[in-house]
Amino acid sequence: MTEIARPPAASAQRGIRLSRDARRAQLLGAARDVFAAQGYHAAAMDDIADRAGVSKPVLYQHFPSKLELYRALLTTYADELIGRLRSVLGGTNDNEQRTRGAVSAYFEFVATEGQSFRLVFESDLRSEPEASAVLDRALRECIDAVAEAVTADAGLDRDRARLLAVGLVGLSQVTAQYWLDSGQAVPKEEAVELMSRLAWRGLAHFPMVHD
């Protein structure tokens, strides 16, 4: 996964020589700010170059088109969410804690990434096949991770396990978005506890075949 850091002011960036990886991370950080603020269609490569403090030719050396830049950014954040989810699910054998971890992963993602999470959850470019493929993969891998970790011990077949996983992923994503958009009136830890308790009360009714 590419590390993304918020770029300093443009004036501080001009004339600074960076490694290719560092420059790429800087450009992705600038693109994140511009796309999150303006959306894909309204954003211009000029805006992103200015935000990064580089010339437009430098930007095009790394990303030949706006679509390729956007896809790289989507991929970075999608991979981050998948990584968060797999990490918390793989950190325990307790299925109740796995359920809480799945919910928590989404709340942590929206809380730490601010408005950038909309690039994954609310992209305005879903009609573009290349962007849609990245987002579909992220959803599929999140569902796969939950299906494997949370429901495998219930002895369910693949279709039923995935249906439960879709329910948990959907609950986690929608409630995390609502929590952020509604002004975070409920403290994050309490919100995670409420929603994970709700989810676990449903999942706990399935007998565990590998206690």
C-alpha atoms as a PDB file:
ATOM      1  CA  MET A   1       0.000   0.000   0.000  1.00  0.00           C
ATOM      2  CA  THR A   2       1.297   3.466  -0.858  1.00  0.00           C
ATOM      3  CA  GLU A   3       1.816   5.716   2.134  1.00  0.00           C
ATOM      4  CA  ILE A   4      -0.024   9.012   1.676  1.00  0.00           C
ATOM      5  CA  ALA A   5       0.913  12.130   3.597  1.00  0.00           C
ATOM      6  CA  ARG A   6      -0.852  15.452   3.484  1.00  0.00           C
ATOM      7  CA  PRO A   7       1.351  17.772   1.411  1.00  0.00           C
ATOM      8  CA  PRO A   8       2.705  21.004   2.909  1.00  0.00           C
ATOM      9  CA  ALA A   9       1.935  24.322   1.286  1.00  0.00           C
ATOM     10  CA  ALA A  10       2.793  24.480  -2.397  1.00  0.00           C
ATOM     11  CA  SER A  11       5.446  27.132  -1.876  1.00  0.00           C
ATOM     12  CA  ALA A  12       7.322  24.811   0.485  1.00  0.00           C
ATOM     13  CA  GLN A  13       7.359  22.032  -2.095  1.00  0.00           C
ATOM     14  CA  ARG A  14       8.737  23.782  -5.141  1.00  0.00           C
ATOM     15  CA  GLY A  15      12.374  22.981  -5.849  1.00  0.00           C
ATOM     16  CA  ILE A  16      12.516  20.038  -3.436  1.00  0.00           C
ATOM     17  CA  ARG A  17      13.916  16.837  -4.960  1.00  0.00           C
ATOM     18  CA  LEU A  18      12.134  13.715  -3.782  1.00  0.00           C
ATOM     19  CA  SER A  19      12.537  10.034  -4.509  1.00  0.00           C
ATOM     20  CA  ARG A  20      10.040   8.589  -6.967  1.00  0.00           C
ATOM     21  CA  ASP A  21       8.072   6.872  -4.203  1.00  0.00           C
ATOM     22  CA  ALA A  22       8.038   9.992  -2.040  1.00  0.00           C
ATOM     23  CA  ARG A  23       6.933  12.132  -4.985  1.00  0.00           C
ATOM     24  CA  ARG A  24       4.169   9.672  -5.823  1.00  0.00           C
ATOM     25  CA  ALA A  25       2.943   9.739  -2.220  1.00  0.00           C
ATOM     26  CA  GLN A  26       3.022  13.538  -2.259  1.00  0.00           C
ATOM     27  CA  LEU A  27       1.008  13.694  -5.483  1.00  0.00           C
ATOM     28  CA  LEU A  28      -1.543  11.211  -4.147  1.00  0.00           C
ATOM     29  CA  GLY A  29      -1.914  13.316  -1.020  1.00  0.00           C
ATOM     30  CA  ALA A  30      -2.587  16.416  -3.093  1.00  0.00           C
ATOM     31  CA  ALA A  31      -5.017  14.505  -5.305  1.00  0.00           C
ATOM     32  CA  ARG A  32      -6.860  13.231  -2.245  1.00  0.00           C
ATOM     33  CA  ASP A  33      -7.429  16.779  -1.019  1.00  0.00           C
ATOM     34  CA  VAL A  34      -8.621  18.056  -4.390  1.00  0.00           C
ATOM     35  CA  PHE A  35     -10.849  15.073  -5.254  1.00  0.00           C
ATOM     36  CA  ALA A  36     -12.389  14.989  -1.777  1.00  0.00           C
ATOM     37  CA  ALA A  37     -13.193  18.699  -1.988  1.00  0.00           C
ATOM     38  CA  GLN A  38     -14.336  18.923  -5.614  1.00  0.00           C
ATOM     39  CA  GLY A  39     -15.221  15.424  -6.804  1.00  0.00           C
ATOM     40  CA  TYR A  40     -13.691  13.753  -9.821  1.00  0.00           C
ATOM     41  CA  HIS A  41     -15.450  15.669 -12.590  1.00  0.00           C
ATOM     42  CA  ALA A  42     -14.849  19.155 -11.189  1.00  0.00           C
ATOM     43  CA  ALA A  43     -11.216  18.541 -10.231  1.00  0.00           C
ATOM     44  CA  ALA A  44      -8.502  19.546 -12.702  1.00  0.00           C
ATOM     45  CA  MET A  45      -4.945  18.283 -13.019  1.00  0.00           C
ATOM     46  CA  ASP A  46      -3.835  21.927 -12.738  1.00  0.00           C
ATOM     47  CA  ASP A  47      -5.471  22.098  -9.308  1.00  0.00           C
ATOM     48  CA  ILE A  48      -3.699  18.933  -8.177  1.00  0.00           C
ATOM     49  CA  ALA A  49      -0.304  20.096  -9.460  1.00  0.00           C
ATOM     50  CA  ASP A  50      -0.752  23.442  -7.696  1.00  0.00           C
ATOM     51  CA  ARG A  51      -1.785  21.704  -4.470  1.00  0.00           C
ATOM     52  CA  ALA A  52       1.317  19.511  -4.646  1.00  0.00           C
ATOM     53  CA  GLY A  53       3.577  22.421  -5.556  1.00  0.00           C
ATOM     54  CA  VAL A  54       4.837  20.814  -8.782  1.00  0.00           C
ATOM     55  CA  SER A  55       4.549  21.559 -12.467  1.00  0.00           C
ATOM     56  CA  LYS A  56       1.901  19.754 -14.463  1.00  0.00           C
ATOM     57  CA  PRO A  57       4.544  17.856 -16.515  1.00  0.00           C
ATOM     58  CA  VAL A  58       5.886  16.386 -13.248  1.00  0.00           C
ATOM     59  CA  LEU A  59       2.379  15.248 -12.340  1.00  0.00           C
ATOM     60  CA  TYR A  60       1.910  13.647 -15.763  1.00  0.00           C
ATOM     61  CA  GLN A  61       5.245  11.819 -15.443  1.00  0.00           C
ATOM     62  CA  HIS A  62       3.744   9.843 -12.582  1.00  0.00           C
ATOM     63  CA  PHE A  63       0.101   9.718 -13.653  1.00  0.00           C
ATOM     64  CA  PRO A  64      -0.545  10.051 -17.414  1.00  0.00           C
ATOM     65  CA  SER A  65      -4.224  10.905 -16.920  1.00  0.00           C
ATOM     66  CA  LYS A  66      -6.656  12.132 -14.312  1.00  0.00           C
ATOM     67  CA  LEU A  67      -8.449   8.785 -14.438  1.00  0.00           C
ATOM     68  CA  GLU A  68      -5.236   6.868 -13.727  1.00  0.00           C
ATOM     69  CA  LEU A  69      -4.479   9.174 -10.801  1.00  0.00           C
ATOM     70  CA  TYR A  70      -7.991   8.728  -9.417  1.00  0.00           C
ATOM     71  CA  ARG A  71      -7.797   4.964  -9.805  1.00  0.00           C
ATOM     72  CA  ALA A  72      -4.471   4.883  -7.953  1.00  0.00           C
ATOM     73  CA  LEU A  73      -6.014   6.873  -5.121  1.00  0.00           C
ATOM     74  CA  LEU A  74      -9.078   4.627  -4.971  1.00  0.00           C
ATOM     75  CA  THR A  75      -6.851   1.564  -4.895  1.00  0.00           C
ATOM     76  CA  THR A  76      -4.765   2.973  -2.050  1.00  0.00           C
ATOM     77  CA  TYR A  77      -7.772   3.681   0.152  1.00  0.00           C
ATOM     78  CA  ALA A  78      -9.570   0.473  -0.785  1.00  0.00           C
ATOM     79  CA  ASP A  79      -6.480  -1.521   0.174  1.00  0.00           C
ATOM     80  CA  GLU A  80      -6.224   0.398   3.425  1.00  0.00           C
ATOM     81  CA  LEU A  81      -9.803  -0.476   4.387  1.00  0.00           C
ATOM     82  CA  ILE A  82      -9.320  -4.137   3.440  1.00  0.00           C
ATOM     83  CA  GLY A  83      -6.086  -4.218   5.442  1.00  0.00           C
ATOM     84  CA  ARG A  84      -7.745  -2.709   8.503  1.00  0.00           C
ATOM     85  CA  LEU A  85     -10.547  -5.245   8.341  1.00  0.00           C
ATOM     86  CA  ARG A  86      -8.307  -8.279   7.842  1.00  0.00           C
ATOM     87  CA  SER A  87      -6.016  -7.124  10.649  1.00  0.00           C
ATOM     88  CA  VAL A  88      -8.743  -6.866  13.282  1.00  0.00           C
ATOM     89  CA  LEU A  89     -10.433 -10.076  12.174  1.00  0.00           C
ATOM     90  CA  GLY A  90      -7.182 -12.016  12.224  1.00  0.00           C
ATOM     91  CA  GLY A  91      -6.144 -10.713  15.632  1.00  0.00           C
ATOM     92  CA  THR A  92      -8.444 -12.971  17.677  1.00  0.00           C
ATOM     93  CA  ASN A  93     -10.239 -16.309  17.618  1.00  0.00           C
ATOM     94  CA  ASP A  94     -13.148 -14.914  19.626  1.00  0.00           C
ATOM     95  CA  ASN A  95     -16.088 -14.436  17.266  1.00  0.00           C
ATOM     96  CA  GLU A  96     -17.695 -11.744  19.392  1.00  0.00           C
ATOM     97  CA  GLN A  97     -14.458  -9.766  19.256  1.00  0.00           C
ATOM     98  CA  ARG A  98     -14.245 -10.391  15.516  1.00  0.00           C
ATOM     99  CA  THR A  99     -17.715  -8.924  15.101  1.00  0.00           C
ATOM    100  CA  ARG A 100     -16.749  -5.868  17.110  1.00  0.00           C
ATOM    101  CA  GLY A 101     -13.521  -5.584  15.155  1.00  0.00           C
ATOM    102  CA  ALA A 102     -15.374  -5.579  11.836  1.00  0.00           C
ATOM    103  CA  VAL A 103     -17.642  -2.753  12.979  1.00  0.00           C
ATOM    104  CA  SER A 104     -14.730  -0.862  14.528  1.00  0.00           C
ATOM    105  CA  ALA A 105     -12.668  -1.074  11.328  1.00  0.00           C
ATOM    106  CA  TYR A 106     -15.238   0.975   9.431  1.00  0.00           C
ATOM    107  CA  PHE A 107     -15.640   3.558  12.193  1.00  0.00           C
ATOM    108  CA  GLU A 108     -11.864   3.920  12.486  1.00  0.00           C
ATOM    109  CA  PHE A 109     -11.574   4.298   8.727  1.00  0.00           C
ATOM    110  CA  VAL A 110     -14.088   7.133   8.460  1.00  0.00           C
ATOM    111  CA  ALA A 111     -12.784   8.796  11.630  1.00  0.00           C
ATOM    112  CA  THR A 112      -9.109   8.837  10.662  1.00  0.00           C
ATOM    113  CA  GLU A 113      -9.528   9.562   6.958  1.00  0.00           C
ATOM    114  CA  GLY A 114     -12.070  12.384   7.349  1.00  0.00           C
ATOM    115  CA  GLN A 115     -13.808  13.176   4.077  1.00  0.00           C
ATOM    116  CA  SER A 116     -11.404  10.983   2.091  1.00  0.00           C
ATOM    117  CA  PHE A 117     -13.488   7.895   2.860  1.00  0.00           C
ATOM    118  CA  ARG A 118     -16.034   9.232   0.358  1.00  0.00           C
ATOM    119  CA  LEU A 119     -13.589   8.374  -2.410  1.00  0.00           C
ATOM    120  CA  VAL A 120     -14.329   4.733  -1.614  1.00  0.00           C
ATOM    121  CA  PHE A 121     -17.892   4.847  -0.290  1.00  0.00           C
ATOM    122  CA  GLU A 122     -19.397   7.611  -2.427  1.00  0.00           C
ATOM    123  CA  SER A 123     -17.286   7.868  -5.568  1.00  0.00           C
ATOM    124  CA  ASP A 124     -18.896   9.975  -8.285  1.00  0.00           C
ATOM    125  CA  LEU A 125     -17.191   7.803 -10.915  1.00  0.00           C
ATOM    126  CA  ARG A 126     -18.917   4.461 -10.406  1.00  0.00           C
ATOM    127  CA  SER A 127     -20.036   4.503 -14.043  1.00  0.00           C
ATOM    128  CA  GLU A 128     -16.390   4.317 -15.128  1.00  0.00           C
ATOM    129  CA  PRO A 129     -15.436   0.617 -15.469  1.00  0.00           C
ATOM    130  CA  GLU A 130     -11.862   1.065 -14.201  1.00  0.00           C
ATOM    131  CA  ALA A 131     -12.984   2.862 -11.047  1.00  0.00           C
ATOM    132  CA  SER A 132     -15.951   0.569 -10.556  1.00  0.00           C
ATOM    133  CA  ALA A 133     -13.669  -2.479 -10.693  1.00  0.00           C
ATOM    134  CA  VAL A 134     -11.564  -1.119  -7.815  1.00  0.00           C
ATOM    135  CA  LEU A 135     -14.622  -0.406  -5.676  1.00  0.00           C
ATOM    136  CA  ASP A 136     -16.254  -3.747  -6.464  1.00  0.00           C
ATOM    137  CA  ARG A 137     -13.047  -5.540  -5.516  1.00  0.00           C
ATOM    138  CA  ALA A 138     -12.885  -3.690  -2.202  1.00  0.00           C
ATOM    139  CA  LEU A 139     -16.454  -4.637  -1.340  1.00  0.00           C
ATOM    140  CA  ARG A 140     -15.924  -8.229  -2.413  1.00  0.00           C
ATOM    141  CA  GLU A 141     -12.738  -8.642  -0.383  1.00  0.00           C
ATOM    142  CA  CYS A 142     -14.320  -7.082   2.709  1.00  0.00           C
ATOM    143  CA  ILE A 143     -17.254  -9.482   2.426  1.00  0.00           C
ATOM    144  CA  ASP A 144     -14.883 -12.416   1.879  1.00  0.00           C
ATOM    145  CA  ALA A 145     -12.872 -11.483   4.963  1.00  0.00           C
ATOM    146  CA  VAL A 146     -15.951 -11.289   7.169  1.00  0.00           C
ATOM    147  CA  ALA A 147     -17.457 -14.466   5.730  1.00  0.00           C
ATOM    148  CA  GLU A 148     -14.264 -16.392   6.425  1.00  0.00           C
ATOM    149  CA  ALA A 149     -13.556 -15.029   9.906  1.00  0.00           C
ATOM    150  CA  VAL A 150     -16.962 -14.451  11.490  1.00  0.00           C
ATOM    151  CA  THR A 151     -19.271 -17.064  10.014  1.00  0.00           C
ATOM    152  CA  ALA A 152     -17.028 -20.006   9.125  1.00  0.00           C
ATOM    153  CA  ASP A 153     -17.352 -21.468  12.631  1.00  0.00           C
ATOM    154  CA  ALA A 154     -21.141 -21.514  12.320  1.00  0.00           C
ATOM    155  CA  GLY A 155     -20.973 -24.384   9.846  1.00  0.00           C
ATOM    156  CA  LEU A 156     -22.877 -22.493   7.164  1.00  0.00           C
ATOM    157  CA  ASP A 157     -22.474 -23.079   3.471  1.00  0.00           C
ATOM    158  CA  ARG A 158     -20.780 -20.446   1.329  1.00  0.00           C
ATOM    159  CA  ASP A 159     -23.957 -18.695   0.142  1.00  0.00           C
ATOM    160  CA  ARG A 160     -25.421 -18.318   3.623  1.00  0.00           C
ATOM    161  CA  ALA A 161     -22.105 -17.293   5.130  1.00  0.00           C
ATOM    162  CA  ARG A 162     -21.668 -14.589   2.497  1.00  0.00           C
ATOM    163  CA  LEU A 163     -25.219 -13.322   3.004  1.00  0.00           C
ATOM    164  CA  LEU A 164     -24.519 -12.818   6.696  1.00  0.00           C
ATOM    165  CA  ALA A 165     -21.214 -11.170   5.827  1.00  0.00           C
ATOM    166  CA  VAL A 166     -22.966  -8.746   3.457  1.00  0.00           C
ATOM    167  CA  GLY A 167     -25.305  -7.838   6.322  1.00  0.00           C
ATOM    168  CA  LEU A 168     -22.446  -7.114   8.719  1.00  0.00           C
ATOM    169  CA  VAL A 169     -20.442  -5.144   6.153  1.00  0.00           C
ATOM    170  CA  GLY A 170     -23.530  -3.150   5.158  1.00  0.00           C
ATOM    171  CA  LEU A 171     -24.421  -2.392   8.777  1.00  0.00           C
ATOM    172  CA  SER A 172     -20.857  -1.297   9.533  1.00  0.00           C
ATOM    173  CA  GLN A 173     -20.465   0.921   6.483  1.00  0.00           C
ATOM    174  CA  VAL A 174     -23.858   2.627   6.623  1.00  0.00           C
ATOM    175  CA  THR A 175     -23.768   3.316  10.353  1.00  0.00           C
ATOM    176  CA  ALA A 176     -20.172   4.604  10.203  1.00  0.00           C
ATOM    177  CA  GLN A 177     -21.137   6.998   7.398  1.00  0.00           C
ATOM    178  CA  TYR A 178     -24.216   8.154   9.289  1.00  0.00           C
ATOM    179  CA  TRP A 179     -22.199   8.646  12.464  1.00  0.00           C
ATOM    180  CA  LEU A 180     -19.719  10.905  10.670  1.00  0.00           C
ATOM    181  CA  ASP A 181     -22.317  12.829   8.654  1.00  0.00           C
ATOM    182  CA  SER A 182     -24.537  13.419  11.698  1.00  0.00           C
ATOM    183  CA  GLY A 183     -21.790  15.211  13.592  1.00  0.00           C
ATOM    184  CA  GLN A 184     -20.530  12.337  15.746  1.00  0.00           C
ATOM    185  CA  ALA A 185     -23.101  13.072  18.453  1.00  0.00           C
ATOM    186  CA  VAL A 186     -22.417   9.661  19.979  1.00  0.00           C
ATOM    187  CA  PRO A 187     -18.794   9.056  21.039  1.00  0.00           C
ATOM    188  CA  LYS A 188     -17.047   6.705  18.621  1.00  0.00           C
ATOM    189  CA  GLU A 189     -16.339   3.935  21.116  1.00  0.00           C
ATOM    190  CA  GLU A 190     -19.942   3.981  22.277  1.00  0.00           C
ATOM    191  CA  ALA A 191     -21.218   3.925  18.693  1.00  0.00           C
ATOM    192  CA  VAL A 192     -18.989   0.947  17.898  1.00  0.00           C
ATOM    193  CA  GLU A 193     -20.199  -0.828  21.031  1.00  0.00           C
ATOM    194  CA  LEU A 194     -23.863  -0.230  20.183  1.00  0.00           C
ATOM    195  CA  MET A 195     -23.596  -1.497  16.616  1.00  0.00           C
ATOM    196  CA  SER A 196     -21.322  -4.449  17.391  1.00  0.00           C
ATOM    197  CA  ARG A 197     -23.701  -5.512  20.167  1.00  0.00           C
ATOM    198  CA  LEU A 198     -26.580  -5.360  17.713  1.00  0.00           C
ATOM    199  CA  ALA A 199     -24.688  -7.413  15.130  1.00  0.00           C
ATOM    200  CA  TRP A 200     -23.422  -9.979  17.629  1.00  0.00           C
ATOM    201  CA  ARG A 201     -26.890 -10.625  19.064  1.00  0.00           C
ATOM    202  CA  GLY A 202     -27.855 -11.840  15.616  1.00  0.00           C
ATOM    203  CA  LEU A 203     -24.705 -13.816  14.834  1.00  0.00           C
ATOM    204  CA  ALA A 204     -24.550 -15.410  18.286  1.00  0.00           C
ATOM    205  CA  HIS A 205     -27.720 -17.395  17.562  1.00  0.00           C
ATOM    206  CA  PHE A 206     -25.761 -19.564  15.128  1.00  0.00           C
ATOM    207  CA  PRO A 207     -24.105 -22.541  16.901  1.00  0.00           C
ATOM    208  CA  MET A 208     -20.321 -22.455  16.843  1.00  0.00           C
ATOM    209  CA  VAL A 209     -18.888 -25.716  15.545  1.00  0.00           C
ATOM    210  CA  HIS A 210     -15.275 -24.807  16.455  1.00  0.00           C
ATOM    211  CA  ASP A 211     -15.445 -23.278  19.929  1.00  0.00           C
END
